[in-house]
């Protein structure tokens, strides 16, 4: 008996992956996703600015003398 289970699992995975991809694409193009993406981008930019200020402050407060 030669069972062709691997082929069936492949098609099932391909179908489920396609459905999940379609849902993810639809959600990514929604208005809520755009608002969320803008908020995340703003928060990331703010964190990067604060990290840059912190690094600059740490460099300025160094107690080691350069020779």
C-alpha atoms as a PDB file:
ATOM      1  CA  UNK A   1       0.000   0.000   0.000  1.00  0.00           C
ATOM      2  CA  UNK A   2       1.454   3.285  -1.086  1.00  0.00           C
ATOM      3  CA  UNK A   3      -0.080   6.146   0.898  1.00  0.00           C
ATOM      4  CA  UNK A   4       0.253   9.573  -0.645  1.00  0.00           C
ATOM      5  CA  UNK A   5      -0.115  11.369   2.718  1.00  0.00           C
ATOM      6  CA  UNK A   6       2.817  13.708   2.170  1.00  0.00           C
ATOM      7  CA  UNK A   7       1.202  15.197  -0.908  1.00  0.00           C
ATOM      8  CA  UNK A   8      -2.071  15.730   0.960  1.00  0.00           C
ATOM      9  CA  UNK A   9      -0.294  17.468   3.829  1.00  0.00           C
ATOM     10  CA  UNK A  10       1.497  19.700   1.337  1.00  0.00           C
ATOM     11  CA  UNK A  11      -1.753  20.850  -0.290  1.00  0.00           C
ATOM     12  CA  UNK A  12      -3.426  21.340   3.083  1.00  0.00           C
ATOM     13  CA  UNK A  13      -0.501  23.460   4.290  1.00  0.00           C
ATOM     14  CA  UNK A  14      -0.456  25.427   1.047  1.00  0.00           C
ATOM     15  CA  UNK A  15      -4.179  26.134   1.314  1.00  0.00           C
ATOM     16  CA  UNK A  16      -4.042  27.174   4.964  1.00  0.00           C
ATOM     17  CA  UNK A  17      -0.981  29.332   4.327  1.00  0.00           C
ATOM     18  CA  UNK A  18      -2.761  31.066   1.467  1.00  0.00           C
ATOM     19  CA  UNK A  19      -5.798  31.771   3.622  1.00  0.00           C
ATOM     20  CA  UNK A  20      -3.693  33.140   6.475  1.00  0.00           C
ATOM     21  CA  UNK A  21      -1.724  35.280   4.031  1.00  0.00           C
ATOM     22  CA  UNK A  22      -4.933  36.697   2.580  1.00  0.00           C
ATOM     23  CA  UNK A  23      -6.248  37.592   6.035  1.00  0.00           C
ATOM     24  CA  UNK A  24      -2.922  39.154   7.062  1.00  0.00           C
ATOM     25  CA  UNK A  25      -2.798  41.210   3.845  1.00  0.00           C
ATOM     26  CA  UNK A  26      -6.366  42.417   4.358  1.00  0.00           C
ATOM     27  CA  UNK A  27      -5.674  43.384   7.975  1.00  0.00           C
ATOM     28  CA  UNK A  28      -2.452  45.191   7.009  1.00  0.00           C
ATOM     29  CA  UNK A  29      -4.341  47.382   4.540  1.00  0.00           C
ATOM     30  CA  UNK A  30      -7.117  48.361   6.973  1.00  0.00           C
ATOM     31  CA  UNK A  31      -7.435  51.836   8.473  1.00  0.00           C
ATOM     32  CA  UNK A  32      -6.768  50.550  12.002  1.00  0.00           C
ATOM     33  CA  UNK A  33      -3.505  49.000  10.822  1.00  0.00           C
ATOM     34  CA  UNK A  34      -2.391  52.312   9.333  1.00  0.00           C
ATOM     35  CA  UNK A  35      -3.137  54.144  12.590  1.00  0.00           C
ATOM     36  CA  UNK A  36      -1.334  51.458  14.619  1.00  0.00           C
ATOM     37  CA  UNK A  37       1.660  51.522  12.263  1.00  0.00           C
ATOM     38  CA  UNK A  38       1.917  55.323  12.641  1.00  0.00           C
ATOM     39  CA  UNK A  39       1.798  55.068  16.445  1.00  0.00           C
ATOM     40  CA  UNK A  40       4.478  52.369  16.509  1.00  0.00           C
ATOM     41  CA  UNK A  41       6.668  54.391  14.157  1.00  0.00           C
ATOM     42  CA  UNK A  42       6.330  57.484  16.341  1.00  0.00           C
ATOM     43  CA  UNK A  43       7.149  55.511  19.496  1.00  0.00           C
ATOM     44  CA  UNK A  44      10.197  53.927  17.864  1.00  0.00           C
ATOM     45  CA  UNK A  45      11.470  57.320  16.704  1.00  0.00           C
ATOM     46  CA  UNK A  46      10.978  58.756  20.184  1.00  0.00           C
ATOM     47  CA  UNK A  47      12.856  55.832  21.756  1.00  0.00           C
ATOM     48  CA  UNK A  48      15.707  56.241  19.267  1.00  0.00           C
ATOM     49  CA  UNK A  49      15.973  59.952  20.061  1.00  0.00           C
ATOM     50  CA  UNK A  50      16.056  59.272  23.806  1.00  0.00           C
ATOM     51  CA  UNK A  51      18.680  56.547  23.358  1.00  0.00           C
ATOM     52  CA  UNK A  52      20.846  58.935  21.352  1.00  0.00           C
ATOM     53  CA  UNK A  53      20.572  61.588  24.066  1.00  0.00           C
ATOM     54  CA  UNK A  54      21.442  58.996  26.710  1.00  0.00           C
ATOM     55  CA  UNK A  55      24.540  57.818  24.827  1.00  0.00           C
ATOM     56  CA  UNK A  56      25.694  61.398  24.359  1.00  0.00           C
ATOM     57  CA  UNK A  57      25.162  62.049  28.084  1.00  0.00           C
ATOM     58  CA  UNK A  58      27.126  58.959  29.069  1.00  0.00           C
ATOM     59  CA  UNK A  59      30.033  59.964  26.833  1.00  0.00           C
ATOM     60  CA  UNK A  60      30.050  63.447  28.408  1.00  0.00           C
ATOM     61  CA  UNK A  61      30.071  62.076  31.956  1.00  0.00           C
ATOM     62  CA  UNK A  62      33.029  59.778  31.415  1.00  0.00           C
ATOM     63  CA  UNK A  63      35.507  59.957  34.311  1.00  0.00           C
ATOM     64  CA  UNK A  64      38.386  58.253  32.504  1.00  0.00           C
ATOM     65  CA  UNK A  65      41.117  60.478  31.206  1.00  0.00           C
ATOM     66  CA  UNK A  66      42.216  59.858  27.666  1.00  0.00           C
ATOM     67  CA  UNK A  67      45.957  59.695  27.201  1.00  0.00           C
END
